[in-house]
């Protein structure tokens, strides 16, 4: 068993697990959103934090999506072009996951994938990275019914 599989298996089942799907080009903003969302009340799953270089990532990703309580799609032109974001969305839909689309950037003429049609969406494209992270973390906490990370330490 790899370290990533152990981490997913060992994740406290009492904490809601949030899976983040994104394009690598959006990694800096996504990591800021994940850092702001992570709290004593919310476990987060981000590939760069959970996967090792030698891990067979597809079954690990599939298990993490299956175990997640909320599936986040960080939407941008880059994510709409990403084959792997599409695979992750399809897996979340097949598993009946609650979904939130976070619009990171203007999409131009691009359309959201049909699979996200029923998902709640928030648009943080015009916000500073810090404001985008705070807004996303607040909405995620609201969906999960927990205190936002800024209040978790109080």
C-alpha atoms as a PDB file:
ATOM      1  CA  UNK A   1       0.000   0.000   0.000  1.00  0.00           C
ATOM      2  CA  UNK A   2       1.355   3.419  -0.939  1.00  0.00           C
ATOM      3  CA  UNK A   3       1.583   6.382   1.390  1.00  0.00           C
ATOM      4  CA  UNK A   4      -1.217   8.140  -0.511  1.00  0.00           C
ATOM      5  CA  UNK A   5      -3.527   5.159  -0.156  1.00  0.00           C
ATOM      6  CA  UNK A   6      -2.716   4.983   3.552  1.00  0.00           C
ATOM      7  CA  UNK A   7      -3.467   8.702   3.923  1.00  0.00           C
ATOM      8  CA  UNK A   8      -6.847   8.388   2.241  1.00  0.00           C
ATOM      9  CA  UNK A   9      -7.714   5.263   4.234  1.00  0.00           C
ATOM     10  CA  UNK A  10      -6.503   6.834   7.484  1.00  0.00           C
ATOM     11  CA  UNK A  11      -8.375  10.103   6.929  1.00  0.00           C
ATOM     12  CA  UNK A  12     -10.673  10.669   9.892  1.00  0.00           C
ATOM     13  CA  UNK A  13     -14.036   9.339   8.740  1.00  0.00           C
ATOM     14  CA  UNK A  14     -15.765  11.856  11.028  1.00  0.00           C
ATOM     15  CA  UNK A  15     -14.388  14.777   9.001  1.00  0.00           C
ATOM     16  CA  UNK A  16     -15.994  15.695   5.702  1.00  0.00           C
ATOM     17  CA  UNK A  17     -13.595  15.104   2.814  1.00  0.00           C
ATOM     18  CA  UNK A  18     -13.370  17.664  -0.013  1.00  0.00           C
ATOM     19  CA  UNK A  19     -11.802  16.555  -3.306  1.00  0.00           C
ATOM     20  CA  UNK A  20     -10.343  19.264  -5.582  1.00  0.00           C
ATOM     21  CA  UNK A  21     -10.237  18.762  -9.360  1.00  0.00           C
ATOM     22  CA  UNK A  22      -8.227  21.369 -11.296  1.00  0.00           C
ATOM     23  CA  UNK A  23      -5.783  22.003 -14.103  1.00  0.00           C
ATOM     24  CA  UNK A  24      -2.106  22.262 -13.175  1.00  0.00           C
ATOM     25  CA  UNK A  25      -1.907  25.746 -14.703  1.00  0.00           C
ATOM     26  CA  UNK A  26      -4.307  26.900 -11.968  1.00  0.00           C
ATOM     27  CA  UNK A  27      -2.294  25.232  -9.208  1.00  0.00           C
ATOM     28  CA  UNK A  28      -1.172  28.341  -7.305  1.00  0.00           C
ATOM     29  CA  UNK A  29      -4.707  29.668  -6.781  1.00  0.00           C
ATOM     30  CA  UNK A  30      -6.104  26.197  -6.107  1.00  0.00           C
ATOM     31  CA  UNK A  31      -3.468  25.529  -3.439  1.00  0.00           C
ATOM     32  CA  UNK A  32      -4.386  28.849  -1.802  1.00  0.00           C
ATOM     33  CA  UNK A  33      -8.074  27.839  -1.798  1.00  0.00           C
ATOM     34  CA  UNK A  34      -7.187  24.424  -0.346  1.00  0.00           C
ATOM     35  CA  UNK A  35      -4.998  25.973   2.369  1.00  0.00           C
ATOM     36  CA  UNK A  36      -7.775  28.380   3.328  1.00  0.00           C
ATOM     37  CA  UNK A  37     -10.407  25.609   3.283  1.00  0.00           C
ATOM     38  CA  UNK A  38      -8.404  23.115   5.347  1.00  0.00           C
ATOM     39  CA  UNK A  39      -9.355  23.237   8.991  1.00  0.00           C
ATOM     40  CA  UNK A  40      -9.793  21.011  12.018  1.00  0.00           C
ATOM     41  CA  UNK A  41     -13.339  20.425  10.694  1.00  0.00           C
ATOM     42  CA  UNK A  42     -12.572  19.737   6.990  1.00  0.00           C
ATOM     43  CA  UNK A  43     -10.169  17.285   5.343  1.00  0.00           C
ATOM     44  CA  UNK A  44      -9.025  18.205   1.830  1.00  0.00           C
ATOM     45  CA  UNK A  45      -7.674  16.045  -0.997  1.00  0.00           C
ATOM     46  CA  UNK A  46      -5.360  17.591  -3.554  1.00  0.00           C
ATOM     47  CA  UNK A  47      -3.266  15.375  -5.817  1.00  0.00           C
ATOM     48  CA  UNK A  48       0.043  17.189  -5.280  1.00  0.00           C
ATOM     49  CA  UNK A  49      -0.341  16.753  -1.517  1.00  0.00           C
ATOM     50  CA  UNK A  50      -1.604  13.174  -1.544  1.00  0.00           C
ATOM     51  CA  UNK A  51       0.266  11.387  -4.330  1.00  0.00           C
ATOM     52  CA  UNK A  52       3.860  10.241  -4.367  1.00  0.00           C
ATOM     53  CA  UNK A  53       6.016   9.996  -7.495  1.00  0.00           C
ATOM     54  CA  UNK A  54       5.680   6.201  -7.633  1.00  0.00           C
ATOM     55  CA  UNK A  55       1.961   6.005  -6.836  1.00  0.00           C
ATOM     56  CA  UNK A  56      -0.497   4.522  -9.302  1.00  0.00           C
ATOM     57  CA  UNK A  57      -2.636   7.634  -9.142  1.00  0.00           C
ATOM     58  CA  UNK A  58      -5.776   6.581 -11.013  1.00  0.00           C
ATOM     59  CA  UNK A  59      -7.100   4.061  -8.450  1.00  0.00           C
ATOM     60  CA  UNK A  60      -6.076   6.378  -5.605  1.00  0.00           C
ATOM     61  CA  UNK A  61      -7.910   9.295  -7.222  1.00  0.00           C
ATOM     62  CA  UNK A  62     -10.965   7.117  -7.841  1.00  0.00           C
ATOM     63  CA  UNK A  63     -11.010   6.048  -4.178  1.00  0.00           C
ATOM     64  CA  UNK A  64     -10.654   9.641  -2.986  1.00  0.00           C
ATOM     65  CA  UNK A  65     -13.546  10.790  -5.200  1.00  0.00           C
ATOM     66  CA  UNK A  66     -15.676   7.878  -3.980  1.00  0.00           C
ATOM     67  CA  UNK A  67     -14.937   8.755  -0.335  1.00  0.00           C
ATOM     68  CA  UNK A  68     -15.395  12.501  -0.744  1.00  0.00           C
ATOM     69  CA  UNK A  69     -18.346  14.368   0.689  1.00  0.00           C
ATOM     70  CA  UNK A  70     -17.932  17.282  -1.703  1.00  0.00           C
ATOM     71  CA  UNK A  71     -16.337  17.325  -5.151  1.00  0.00           C
ATOM     72  CA  UNK A  72     -14.919  20.708  -6.157  1.00  0.00           C
ATOM     73  CA  UNK A  73     -14.228  21.524  -9.800  1.00  0.00           C
ATOM     74  CA  UNK A  74     -11.974  24.542 -10.211  1.00  0.00           C
ATOM     75  CA  UNK A  75     -13.141  25.801 -13.603  1.00  0.00           C
ATOM     76  CA  UNK A  76     -10.937  27.733 -16.009  1.00  0.00           C
ATOM     77  CA  UNK A  77     -10.133  27.563 -19.709  1.00  0.00           C
ATOM     78  CA  UNK A  78      -7.264  25.223 -18.772  1.00  0.00           C
ATOM     79  CA  UNK A  79      -9.480  22.865 -16.755  1.00  0.00           C
ATOM     80  CA  UNK A  80     -12.039  22.734 -19.562  1.00  0.00           C
ATOM     81  CA  UNK A  81      -9.248  21.494 -21.849  1.00  0.00           C
ATOM     82  CA  UNK A  82      -7.928  18.960 -19.329  1.00  0.00           C
ATOM     83  CA  UNK A  83      -8.711  15.333 -20.092  1.00  0.00           C
ATOM     84  CA  UNK A  84      -8.096  14.369 -16.461  1.00  0.00           C
ATOM     85  CA  UNK A  85     -10.449  16.973 -15.012  1.00  0.00           C
ATOM     86  CA  UNK A  86     -13.093  15.493 -17.311  1.00  0.00           C
ATOM     87  CA  UNK A  87     -12.309  11.976 -16.055  1.00  0.00           C
ATOM     88  CA  UNK A  88     -12.606  13.152 -12.443  1.00  0.00           C
ATOM     89  CA  UNK A  89     -15.930  14.908 -13.130  1.00  0.00           C
ATOM     90  CA  UNK A  90     -17.292  11.756 -14.779  1.00  0.00           C
ATOM     91  CA  UNK A  91     -16.204   9.686 -11.781  1.00  0.00           C
ATOM     92  CA  UNK A  92     -17.884  12.112  -9.379  1.00  0.00           C
ATOM     93  CA  UNK A  93     -21.121  12.034 -11.398  1.00  0.00           C
ATOM     94  CA  UNK A  94     -21.109   8.212 -11.507  1.00  0.00           C
ATOM     95  CA  UNK A  95     -20.706   8.191  -7.727  1.00  0.00           C
ATOM     96  CA  UNK A  96     -23.480  10.738  -7.119  1.00  0.00           C
ATOM     97  CA  UNK A  97     -21.204  13.277  -5.427  1.00  0.00           C
ATOM     98  CA  UNK A  98     -22.315  16.711  -4.295  1.00  0.00           C
ATOM     99  CA  UNK A  99     -20.461  19.183  -6.517  1.00  0.00           C
ATOM    100  CA  UNK A 100     -19.360  22.794  -6.388  1.00  0.00           C
ATOM    101  CA  UNK A 101     -17.905  24.594  -9.401  1.00  0.00           C
ATOM    102  CA  UNK A 102     -15.503  27.399  -8.563  1.00  0.00           C
ATOM    103  CA  UNK A 103     -15.080  29.658 -11.599  1.00  0.00           C
ATOM    104  CA  UNK A 104     -11.456  30.785 -11.422  1.00  0.00           C
ATOM    105  CA  UNK A 105     -11.249  32.729 -14.673  1.00  0.00           C
ATOM    106  CA  UNK A 106     -13.496  34.097 -17.400  1.00  0.00           C
ATOM    107  CA  UNK A 107     -14.430  31.290 -19.772  1.00  0.00           C
ATOM    108  CA  UNK A 108     -14.918  33.380 -22.897  1.00  0.00           C
ATOM    109  CA  UNK A 109     -17.050  31.390 -25.313  1.00  0.00           C
ATOM    110  CA  UNK A 110     -16.453  28.111 -23.491  1.00  0.00           C
ATOM    111  CA  UNK A 111     -19.346  26.385 -21.756  1.00  0.00           C
ATOM    112  CA  UNK A 112     -19.402  24.520 -18.470  1.00  0.00           C
ATOM    113  CA  UNK A 113     -19.514  20.755 -18.937  1.00  0.00           C
ATOM    114  CA  UNK A 114     -23.088  19.444 -19.025  1.00  0.00           C
ATOM    115  CA  UNK A 115     -22.262  17.286 -15.984  1.00  0.00           C
ATOM    116  CA  UNK A 116     -21.893  20.486 -13.927  1.00  0.00           C
ATOM    117  CA  UNK A 117     -25.313  21.815 -14.932  1.00  0.00           C
ATOM    118  CA  UNK A 118     -26.888  21.000 -11.569  1.00  0.00           C
ATOM    119  CA  UNK A 119     -23.819  21.906  -9.501  1.00  0.00           C
ATOM    120  CA  UNK A 120     -23.760  24.990  -7.345  1.00  0.00           C
ATOM    121  CA  UNK A 121     -21.273  27.500  -8.736  1.00  0.00           C
ATOM    122  CA  UNK A 122     -19.417  30.499  -7.405  1.00  0.00           C
ATOM    123  CA  UNK A 123     -17.523  33.004  -9.525  1.00  0.00           C
ATOM    124  CA  UNK A 124     -14.252  34.212  -8.027  1.00  0.00           C
ATOM    125  CA  UNK A 125     -12.665  35.244 -11.334  1.00  0.00           C
ATOM    126  CA  UNK A 126     -12.619  38.974 -10.582  1.00  0.00           C
ATOM    127  CA  UNK A 127     -11.381  38.594  -6.977  1.00  0.00           C
ATOM    128  CA  UNK A 128      -7.881  38.782  -5.588  1.00  0.00           C
ATOM    129  CA  UNK A 129      -6.440  35.349  -4.800  1.00  0.00           C
ATOM    130  CA  UNK A 130      -6.934  35.933  -1.051  1.00  0.00           C
ATOM    131  CA  UNK A 131     -10.552  37.040  -1.490  1.00  0.00           C
ATOM    132  CA  UNK A 132     -11.209  34.119  -3.862  1.00  0.00           C
ATOM    133  CA  UNK A 133      -9.808  31.668  -1.305  1.00  0.00           C
ATOM    134  CA  UNK A 134     -11.832  33.192   1.543  1.00  0.00           C
ATOM    135  CA  UNK A 135     -15.043  33.177  -0.505  1.00  0.00           C
ATOM    136  CA  UNK A 136     -14.540  29.577  -1.622  1.00  0.00           C
ATOM    137  CA  UNK A 137     -13.699  28.405   1.906  1.00  0.00           C
ATOM    138  CA  UNK A 138     -16.812  30.094   3.302  1.00  0.00           C
ATOM    139  CA  UNK A 139     -19.099  28.498   0.697  1.00  0.00           C
ATOM    140  CA  UNK A 140     -17.478  25.074   1.172  1.00  0.00           C
ATOM    141  CA  UNK A 141     -17.921  25.275   4.945  1.00  0.00           C
ATOM    142  CA  UNK A 142     -21.545  26.364   4.456  1.00  0.00           C
ATOM    143  CA  UNK A 143     -22.263  23.408   2.146  1.00  0.00           C
ATOM    144  CA  UNK A 144     -20.671  20.993   4.620  1.00  0.00           C
ATOM    145  CA  UNK A 145     -22.363  22.591   7.634  1.00  0.00           C
ATOM    146  CA  UNK A 146     -19.131  23.359   9.485  1.00  0.00           C
ATOM    147  CA  UNK A 147     -17.426  26.511  10.701  1.00  0.00           C
ATOM    148  CA  UNK A 148     -15.203  28.275   8.144  1.00  0.00           C
ATOM    149  CA  UNK A 149     -11.480  27.737   8.751  1.00  0.00           C
ATOM    150  CA  UNK A 150     -11.060  31.303   9.998  1.00  0.00           C
ATOM    151  CA  UNK A 151     -13.488  30.511  12.828  1.00  0.00           C
ATOM    152  CA  UNK A 152     -12.261  26.955  13.470  1.00  0.00           C
ATOM    153  CA  UNK A 153      -9.471  28.020  15.803  1.00  0.00           C
ATOM    154  CA  UNK A 154     -11.730  30.141  18.004  1.00  0.00           C
END
